């Protein structure tokens, strides 16, 4: 009985490479699905609470968009000015304005909403040239409002 020597050719190499790859993928999938160390959920612990907070934010922005008159925002010689609609009694508004600097977190600041004849003024000494995100939140007669704007000062 003669033994024929097995020859190594391209076909054999490709089949063995494919079997090795399939084995690696199976090992990887089984390890990732059974090991608790790799258990990562895409949902946060308090998902529904965060969803409600986000829904409240959407409602506040919708309330702002439904105003008869829009908030007007512009650069003025001594800072930035936000002009509120006349439909508000500004003495009854409770809220804050946050100015967020995407390029430098240390420049971020928050101010209480205090108006002078329906105008909120952000002074020059708080602003430096560049991009800012304005987020203004307030409550008026029990209703929440939110105004967001990206500005370049």
N, C-alpha and C. Protein backbone atom coordinates (compact mmCIF):
# COMPACT_ATOMS: atom_id res chain seq x y z
N UNK A 1 0.83 -1.14 0.00
CA UNK A 1 0.00 0.00 0.00
C UNK A 1 0.90 1.24 0.00
N UNK A 2 0.70 2.02 -0.96
CA UNK A 2 1.54 3.21 -1.05
C UNK A 2 0.75 4.43 -0.58
N UNK A 3 1.43 5.20 0.15
CA UNK A 3 0.80 6.43 0.65
C UNK A 3 1.12 7.55 -0.31
N UNK A 4 0.08 8.21 -0.68
CA UNK A 4 0.28 9.33 -1.58
C UNK A 4 0.50 10.58 -0.72
N UNK A 5 1.49 11.31 -1.01
CA UNK A 5 1.83 12.51 -0.26
C UNK A 5 0.85 13.63 -0.64
N UNK A 6 0.30 14.30 0.40
CA UNK A 6 -0.65 15.38 0.14
C UNK A 6 0.12 16.60 -0.37
N UNK A 7 -0.40 17.19 -1.40
CA UNK A 7 0.26 18.37 -1.95
C UNK A 7 -0.43 19.63 -1.43
N UNK A 8 0.36 20.62 -1.21
CA UNK A 8 -0.13 21.91 -0.73
C UNK A 8 -0.26 22.83 -1.93
N UNK A 9 -1.50 23.28 -2.20
CA UNK A 9 -1.70 24.18 -3.33
C UNK A 9 -2.54 25.37 -2.90
N UNK A 10 -2.82 26.26 -3.81
CA UNK A 10 -3.56 27.48 -3.51
C UNK A 10 -4.94 27.18 -2.95
N UNK A 11 -5.62 26.26 -3.49
CA UNK A 11 -6.98 25.92 -3.02
C UNK A 11 -6.98 25.50 -1.57
N UNK A 12 -6.03 24.66 -1.18
CA UNK A 12 -5.93 24.21 0.21
C UNK A 12 -5.64 25.39 1.13
N UNK A 13 -4.75 26.27 0.73
CA UNK A 13 -4.39 27.45 1.54
C UNK A 13 -5.59 28.38 1.73
N UNK A 14 -6.35 28.59 0.68
CA UNK A 14 -7.53 29.47 0.78
C UNK A 14 -8.57 28.87 1.71
N UNK A 15 -8.82 27.57 1.57
CA UNK A 15 -9.81 26.90 2.44
C UNK A 15 -9.36 26.97 3.90
N UNK A 16 -8.09 26.71 4.18
CA UNK A 16 -7.61 26.77 5.57
C UNK A 16 -7.68 28.20 6.12
N UNK A 17 -7.36 29.19 5.30
CA UNK A 17 -7.44 30.59 5.73
C UNK A 17 -8.90 30.95 6.05
N UNK A 18 -9.82 30.53 5.21
CA UNK A 18 -11.24 30.82 5.45
C UNK A 18 -11.72 30.13 6.72
N UNK A 19 -11.33 28.88 6.94
CA UNK A 19 -11.72 28.17 8.15
C UNK A 19 -11.13 28.85 9.39
N UNK A 20 -9.90 29.31 9.31
CA UNK A 20 -9.27 30.02 10.42
C UNK A 20 -10.00 31.32 10.73
N UNK A 21 -10.37 32.06 9.69
CA UNK A 21 -11.09 33.32 9.87
C UNK A 21 -12.47 33.07 10.48
N UNK A 22 -13.19 32.08 9.98
CA UNK A 22 -14.51 31.74 10.52
C UNK A 22 -14.39 31.31 11.98
N UNK A 23 -13.38 30.55 12.30
CA UNK A 23 -13.15 30.14 13.69
C UNK A 23 -12.88 31.33 14.59
N UNK A 24 -12.07 32.28 14.12
CA UNK A 24 -11.78 33.49 14.89
C UNK A 24 -13.06 34.29 15.13
N UNK A 25 -13.86 34.49 14.10
CA UNK A 25 -15.10 35.25 14.24
C UNK A 25 -16.04 34.56 15.23
N UNK A 26 -16.19 33.26 15.14
CA UNK A 26 -17.05 32.52 16.07
C UNK A 26 -16.54 32.67 17.50
N UNK A 27 -15.24 32.53 17.71
CA UNK A 27 -14.65 32.70 19.04
C UNK A 27 -14.95 34.11 19.57
N UNK A 28 -14.76 35.12 18.72
CA UNK A 28 -14.98 36.51 19.09
C UNK A 28 -16.45 36.74 19.47
N UNK A 29 -17.38 36.26 18.67
CA UNK A 29 -18.80 36.45 18.93
C UNK A 29 -19.21 35.75 20.22
N UNK A 30 -18.77 34.55 20.41
CA UNK A 30 -19.13 33.80 21.62
C UNK A 30 -18.55 34.47 22.86
N UNK A 31 -17.31 34.91 22.78
CA UNK A 31 -16.68 35.59 23.93
C UNK A 31 -17.41 36.88 24.26
N UNK A 32 -17.73 37.69 23.25
CA UNK A 32 -18.39 38.97 23.49
C UNK A 32 -19.81 38.81 24.01
N UNK A 33 -20.49 37.76 23.62
CA UNK A 33 -21.88 37.60 24.05
C UNK A 33 -22.02 36.90 25.39
N UNK A 34 -21.00 36.19 25.86
CA UNK A 34 -21.12 35.47 27.13
C UNK A 34 -20.36 36.13 28.27
N UNK A 35 -19.33 36.90 28.00
CA UNK A 35 -18.52 37.51 29.04
C UNK A 35 -19.19 38.80 29.55
N UNK A 36 -19.46 38.86 30.84
CA UNK A 36 -20.13 40.03 31.44
C UNK A 36 -19.27 41.30 31.34
N UNK A 37 -17.98 41.13 31.23
CA UNK A 37 -17.07 42.27 31.11
C UNK A 37 -17.36 43.09 29.85
N UNK A 38 -17.89 42.45 28.83
CA UNK A 38 -18.17 43.12 27.56
C UNK A 38 -19.65 43.47 27.39
N UNK A 39 -20.40 43.42 28.47
CA UNK A 39 -21.83 43.71 28.40
C UNK A 39 -22.04 45.22 28.43
N UNK A 40 -22.37 45.81 27.30
CA UNK A 40 -22.63 47.24 27.19
C UNK A 40 -24.00 47.45 26.58
N UNK A 41 -24.85 48.15 27.32
CA UNK A 41 -26.16 48.48 26.78
C UNK A 41 -26.09 49.86 26.16
N UNK A 42 -26.90 50.07 25.14
CA UNK A 42 -26.96 51.38 24.50
C UNK A 42 -27.93 52.32 25.20
N UNK A 43 -28.65 51.82 26.18
CA UNK A 43 -29.64 52.61 26.90
C UNK A 43 -29.09 52.93 28.28
N UNK A 44 -29.27 54.16 28.72
CA UNK A 44 -28.78 54.55 30.03
C UNK A 44 -29.69 54.00 31.13
N UNK A 45 -29.20 54.05 32.35
CA UNK A 45 -29.96 53.54 33.49
C UNK A 45 -31.30 54.26 33.65
N UNK A 46 -31.26 55.58 33.62
CA UNK A 46 -32.49 56.36 33.82
C UNK A 46 -32.98 56.92 32.49
N UNK A 47 -33.15 56.02 31.55
CA UNK A 47 -33.52 56.38 30.18
C UNK A 47 -34.82 57.17 30.14
N UNK A 48 -35.85 56.72 30.86
CA UNK A 48 -37.16 57.37 30.79
C UNK A 48 -37.14 58.75 31.43
N UNK A 49 -36.37 58.91 32.49
CA UNK A 49 -36.26 60.24 33.12
C UNK A 49 -35.58 61.21 32.17
N UNK A 50 -34.53 60.75 31.49
CA UNK A 50 -33.84 61.61 30.53
C UNK A 50 -34.74 61.91 29.33
N UNK A 51 -35.53 60.95 28.92
CA UNK A 51 -36.46 61.15 27.81
C UNK A 51 -37.51 62.20 28.19
N UNK A 52 -38.00 62.16 29.42
CA UNK A 52 -38.97 63.16 29.88
C UNK A 52 -38.34 64.55 29.92
N UNK A 53 -37.11 64.63 30.38
CA UNK A 53 -36.41 65.93 30.43
C UNK A 53 -36.24 66.47 29.01
N UNK A 54 -35.89 65.59 28.10
CA UNK A 54 -35.72 66.02 26.70
C UNK A 54 -37.06 66.45 26.11
N UNK A 55 -38.14 65.74 26.44
CA UNK A 55 -39.47 66.11 25.96
C UNK A 55 -39.86 67.48 26.52
N UNK A 56 -39.53 67.75 27.78
CA UNK A 56 -39.81 69.07 28.37
C UNK A 56 -39.05 70.16 27.62
N UNK A 57 -37.81 69.87 27.22
CA UNK A 57 -37.01 70.82 26.45
C UNK A 57 -37.66 71.08 25.09
N UNK A 58 -38.12 70.03 24.44
CA UNK A 58 -38.81 70.18 23.14
C UNK A 58 -40.06 71.04 23.31
N UNK A 59 -40.84 70.77 24.37
CA UNK A 59 -42.06 71.55 24.61
C UNK A 59 -41.73 73.03 24.86
N UNK A 60 -40.66 73.30 25.61
CA UNK A 60 -40.27 74.68 25.89
C UNK A 60 -39.84 75.39 24.62
N UNK A 61 -39.10 74.71 23.74
CA UNK A 61 -38.70 75.31 22.47
C UNK A 61 -39.91 75.55 21.57
N UNK A 62 -40.87 74.63 21.60
CA UNK A 62 -42.10 74.80 20.82
C UNK A 62 -42.89 76.00 21.33
N UNK A 63 -42.97 76.18 22.64
CA UNK A 63 -43.65 77.35 23.20
C UNK A 63 -43.00 78.64 22.70
N UNK A 64 -41.69 78.65 22.62
CA UNK A 64 -40.97 79.84 22.14
C UNK A 64 -41.26 80.09 20.67
N UNK A 65 -41.27 79.02 19.87
CA UNK A 65 -41.55 79.18 18.43
C UNK A 65 -42.98 79.65 18.18
N UNK A 66 -43.90 79.36 19.10
CA UNK A 66 -45.30 79.74 18.93
C UNK A 66 -45.62 81.15 19.39
N UNK A 67 -44.62 81.90 19.83
CA UNK A 67 -44.86 83.28 20.24
C UNK A 67 -45.28 84.12 19.03
N UNK A 68 -46.08 85.11 19.29
CA UNK A 68 -46.55 86.00 18.22
C UNK A 68 -45.36 86.76 17.62
N UNK A 69 -44.53 87.29 18.49
CA UNK A 69 -43.36 88.05 18.07
C UNK A 69 -42.11 87.25 18.43
N UNK A 70 -41.12 87.23 17.57
CA UNK A 70 -39.88 86.48 17.80
C UNK A 70 -38.90 87.28 18.67
N UNK A 71 -38.01 86.55 19.32
CA UNK A 71 -36.91 87.18 20.05
C UNK A 71 -35.90 87.66 19.02
N UNK A 72 -35.49 88.91 19.16
CA UNK A 72 -34.52 89.48 18.21
C UNK A 72 -33.16 89.56 18.90
N UNK A 73 -32.15 89.12 18.20
CA UNK A 73 -30.81 89.03 18.76
C UNK A 73 -29.84 89.76 17.83
N UNK A 74 -28.99 90.60 18.41
CA UNK A 74 -28.02 91.30 17.56
C UNK A 74 -26.84 91.81 18.38
N UNK A 75 -25.73 92.00 17.65
CA UNK A 75 -24.53 92.57 18.25
C UNK A 75 -24.71 94.08 18.32
N UNK A 76 -24.37 94.65 19.47
CA UNK A 76 -24.41 96.10 19.63
C UNK A 76 -23.02 96.56 20.06
N UNK A 77 -22.81 97.85 20.08
CA UNK A 77 -21.47 98.39 20.35
C UNK A 77 -20.89 97.95 21.70
N UNK A 78 -21.74 97.75 22.69
CA UNK A 78 -21.23 97.41 24.02
C UNK A 78 -21.59 95.99 24.45
N UNK A 79 -21.85 95.10 23.49
CA UNK A 79 -22.13 93.70 23.84
C UNK A 79 -23.09 93.03 22.87
N UNK A 80 -23.97 92.22 23.43
CA UNK A 80 -24.97 91.50 22.64
C UNK A 80 -26.33 91.77 23.26
N UNK A 81 -27.32 91.97 22.41
CA UNK A 81 -28.64 92.35 22.87
C UNK A 81 -29.68 91.33 22.42
N UNK A 82 -30.55 90.95 23.34
CA UNK A 82 -31.69 90.08 23.05
C UNK A 82 -32.95 90.86 23.38
N UNK A 83 -33.77 91.11 22.37
CA UNK A 83 -35.00 91.88 22.54
C UNK A 83 -36.18 90.93 22.64
N UNK A 84 -36.88 91.00 23.76
CA UNK A 84 -38.01 90.11 24.04
C UNK A 84 -39.30 90.66 23.44
N UNK A 85 -40.24 89.77 23.13
CA UNK A 85 -41.55 90.21 22.62
C UNK A 85 -42.30 91.05 23.65
N UNK A 86 -43.10 91.97 23.16
CA UNK A 86 -43.88 92.86 24.03
C UNK A 86 -44.99 92.11 24.76
N UNK A 87 -45.33 90.90 24.29
CA UNK A 87 -46.41 90.15 24.94
C UNK A 87 -46.03 89.68 26.35
N UNK A 88 -44.73 89.76 26.70
CA UNK A 88 -44.28 89.36 28.03
C UNK A 88 -44.23 90.56 28.96
N UNK A 89 -44.65 90.33 30.20
CA UNK A 89 -44.39 91.28 31.28
C UNK A 89 -43.05 90.82 31.86
N UNK A 90 -41.97 91.45 31.49
CA UNK A 90 -40.62 90.96 31.83
C UNK A 90 -40.36 90.92 33.33
N UNK A 91 -41.13 91.64 34.13
CA UNK A 91 -40.97 91.57 35.58
C UNK A 91 -41.40 90.21 36.13
N UNK A 92 -42.22 89.48 35.38
CA UNK A 92 -42.73 88.19 35.84
C UNK A 92 -41.96 87.00 35.26
N UNK A 93 -40.89 87.27 34.53
CA UNK A 93 -40.08 86.20 33.94
C UNK A 93 -39.01 85.77 34.94
N UNK A 94 -38.91 84.46 35.14
CA UNK A 94 -37.86 83.88 35.98
C UNK A 94 -37.06 82.92 35.11
N UNK A 95 -35.76 83.17 35.01
CA UNK A 95 -34.96 82.27 34.19
C UNK A 95 -33.49 82.64 34.15
N UNK A 96 -32.77 81.92 33.33
CA UNK A 96 -31.32 82.13 33.18
C UNK A 96 -30.93 82.07 31.71
N UNK A 97 -29.77 82.60 31.44
CA UNK A 97 -29.18 82.51 30.12
C UNK A 97 -27.78 81.94 30.30
N UNK A 98 -27.45 80.95 29.48
CA UNK A 98 -26.13 80.32 29.52
C UNK A 98 -25.45 80.61 28.20
N UNK A 99 -24.24 81.10 28.28
CA UNK A 99 -23.42 81.28 27.08
C UNK A 99 -22.31 80.26 27.12
N UNK A 100 -22.32 79.43 26.12
CA UNK A 100 -21.41 78.28 26.04
C UNK A 100 -20.43 78.53 24.91
N UNK A 101 -19.15 78.39 25.21
CA UNK A 101 -18.09 78.58 24.22
C UNK A 101 -17.58 77.20 23.82
N UNK A 102 -17.90 76.71 22.60
CA UNK A 102 -17.49 75.36 22.21
C UNK A 102 -15.98 75.13 22.24
N UNK A 103 -15.19 76.18 22.02
CA UNK A 103 -13.75 76.01 21.94
C UNK A 103 -13.03 76.11 23.28
N UNK A 104 -13.71 76.60 24.32
CA UNK A 104 -13.05 76.77 25.61
C UNK A 104 -14.08 76.78 26.74
N UNK A 105 -14.15 75.69 27.46
CA UNK A 105 -15.15 75.52 28.52
C UNK A 105 -14.98 76.54 29.64
N UNK A 106 -13.77 77.03 29.88
CA UNK A 106 -13.54 77.98 30.96
C UNK A 106 -14.19 79.34 30.71
N UNK A 107 -14.57 79.61 29.46
CA UNK A 107 -15.21 80.89 29.14
C UNK A 107 -16.73 80.85 29.31
N UNK A 108 -17.31 79.66 29.53
CA UNK A 108 -18.76 79.52 29.70
C UNK A 108 -19.22 80.31 30.93
N UNK A 109 -20.41 80.88 30.84
CA UNK A 109 -20.96 81.57 32.00
C UNK A 109 -22.48 81.58 31.94
N UNK A 110 -23.09 81.85 33.09
CA UNK A 110 -24.54 81.88 33.23
C UNK A 110 -24.94 83.17 33.92
N UNK A 111 -26.04 83.75 33.45
CA UNK A 111 -26.56 84.99 34.04
C UNK A 111 -28.06 84.86 34.31
N UNK A 112 -28.56 85.51 35.35
CA UNK A 112 -30.01 85.54 35.55
C UNK A 112 -30.64 86.50 34.54
N UNK A 113 -31.88 86.22 34.16
CA UNK A 113 -32.57 87.09 33.21
C UNK A 113 -33.10 88.32 33.93
N UNK A 114 -32.51 89.47 33.60
CA UNK A 114 -32.94 90.76 34.13
C UNK A 114 -33.07 91.68 32.94
N UNK A 115 -34.27 92.27 32.78
CA UNK A 115 -34.56 93.05 31.59
C UNK A 115 -34.63 94.53 31.87
N UNK A 116 -34.34 95.28 30.83
CA UNK A 116 -34.52 96.73 30.85
C UNK A 116 -35.33 97.07 29.60
N UNK A 117 -36.60 97.35 29.79
CA UNK A 117 -37.51 97.66 28.69
C UNK A 117 -37.51 96.56 27.61
N UNK A 118 -37.77 95.32 28.04
CA UNK A 118 -37.86 94.13 27.16
C UNK A 118 -36.53 93.77 26.49
N UNK A 119 -35.43 94.29 26.99
CA UNK A 119 -34.12 94.01 26.40
C UNK A 119 -33.23 93.37 27.47
N UNK A 120 -32.59 92.25 27.08
CA UNK A 120 -31.56 91.65 27.93
C UNK A 120 -30.23 91.95 27.27
N UNK A 121 -29.29 92.46 28.05
CA UNK A 121 -28.00 92.88 27.51
C UNK A 121 -26.87 92.02 28.10
N UNK A 122 -26.04 91.48 27.22
CA UNK A 122 -24.84 90.75 27.64
C UNK A 122 -23.67 91.70 27.39
N UNK A 123 -22.98 92.14 28.44
CA UNK A 123 -21.91 93.14 28.26
C UNK A 123 -20.67 92.59 27.57
N UNK A 124 -19.92 93.50 26.96
CA UNK A 124 -18.67 93.17 26.25
C UNK A 124 -17.68 92.43 27.12
N UNK A 125 -17.57 92.81 28.40
CA UNK A 125 -16.54 92.21 29.26
C UNK A 125 -16.76 90.71 29.48
N UNK A 126 -17.95 90.18 29.18
CA UNK A 126 -18.20 88.74 29.29
C UNK A 126 -17.92 88.00 27.99
N UNK A 127 -17.81 88.71 26.90
CA UNK A 127 -17.69 88.08 25.58
C UNK A 127 -16.33 88.36 24.96
N UNK A 128 -15.78 87.38 24.30
CA UNK A 128 -14.61 87.58 23.46
C UNK A 128 -15.00 87.16 22.05
N UNK A 129 -14.24 87.58 21.08
CA UNK A 129 -14.57 87.27 19.69
C UNK A 129 -14.59 85.77 19.46
N UNK A 130 -15.53 85.34 18.64
CA UNK A 130 -15.62 83.94 18.28
C UNK A 130 -17.04 83.41 18.38
N UNK A 131 -17.16 82.10 18.34
CA UNK A 131 -18.46 81.42 18.32
C UNK A 131 -18.97 81.18 19.73
N UNK A 132 -20.25 81.44 19.94
CA UNK A 132 -20.93 81.21 21.22
C UNK A 132 -22.26 80.52 20.95
N UNK A 133 -22.68 79.69 21.87
CA UNK A 133 -24.03 79.12 21.86
C UNK A 133 -24.79 79.76 23.01
N UNK A 134 -25.96 80.30 22.70
CA UNK A 134 -26.81 80.91 23.71
C UNK A 134 -27.95 79.95 24.00
N UNK A 135 -28.16 79.66 25.27
CA UNK A 135 -29.31 78.85 25.69
C UNK A 135 -30.01 79.63 26.80
N UNK A 136 -31.22 80.08 26.50
CA UNK A 136 -31.98 80.88 27.45
C UNK A 136 -33.23 80.07 27.85
N UNK A 137 -33.41 79.89 29.15
CA UNK A 137 -34.57 79.16 29.66
C UNK A 137 -35.29 80.07 30.65
N UNK A 138 -36.63 80.11 30.54
CA UNK A 138 -37.39 80.91 31.47
C UNK A 138 -38.80 80.33 31.64
N UNK A 139 -39.42 80.76 32.73
CA UNK A 139 -40.79 80.37 33.03
C UNK A 139 -41.60 81.66 33.12
N UNK A 140 -42.73 81.65 32.44
CA UNK A 140 -43.63 82.81 32.46
C UNK A 140 -45.06 82.30 32.62
N UNK A 141 -45.71 82.71 33.68
CA UNK A 141 -47.08 82.29 34.01
C UNK A 141 -47.23 80.78 33.98
N UNK A 142 -46.26 80.08 34.58
CA UNK A 142 -46.31 78.63 34.69
C UNK A 142 -45.94 77.86 33.44
N UNK A 143 -45.59 78.56 32.39
CA UNK A 143 -45.24 77.90 31.13
C UNK A 143 -43.73 78.05 30.88
N UNK A 144 -43.10 76.93 30.45
CA UNK A 144 -41.65 76.93 30.22
C UNK A 144 -41.35 77.35 28.79
N UNK A 145 -40.24 78.08 28.65
CA UNK A 145 -39.78 78.53 27.34
C UNK A 145 -38.28 78.28 27.25
N UNK A 146 -37.81 78.06 26.03
CA UNK A 146 -36.37 77.89 25.79
C UNK A 146 -36.03 78.49 24.43
N UNK A 147 -34.94 79.23 24.41
CA UNK A 147 -34.46 79.86 23.18
C UNK A 147 -33.00 79.45 23.00
N UNK A 148 -32.66 78.95 21.82
CA UNK A 148 -31.27 78.57 21.52
C UNK A 148 -30.83 79.30 20.26
N UNK A 149 -29.58 79.73 20.29
CA UNK A 149 -29.02 80.41 19.12
C UNK A 149 -27.51 80.24 19.13
N UNK A 150 -26.95 80.13 17.95
CA UNK A 150 -25.50 80.12 17.77
C UNK A 150 -25.11 81.46 17.18
N UNK A 151 -24.18 82.14 17.84
CA UNK A 151 -23.77 83.47 17.37
C UNK A 151 -22.26 83.50 17.16
N UNK A 152 -21.83 84.45 16.37
CA UNK A 152 -20.40 84.77 16.22
C UNK A 152 -20.25 86.21 16.66
N UNK A 153 -19.48 86.40 17.72
CA UNK A 153 -19.32 87.74 18.28
C UNK A 153 -18.07 88.38 17.72
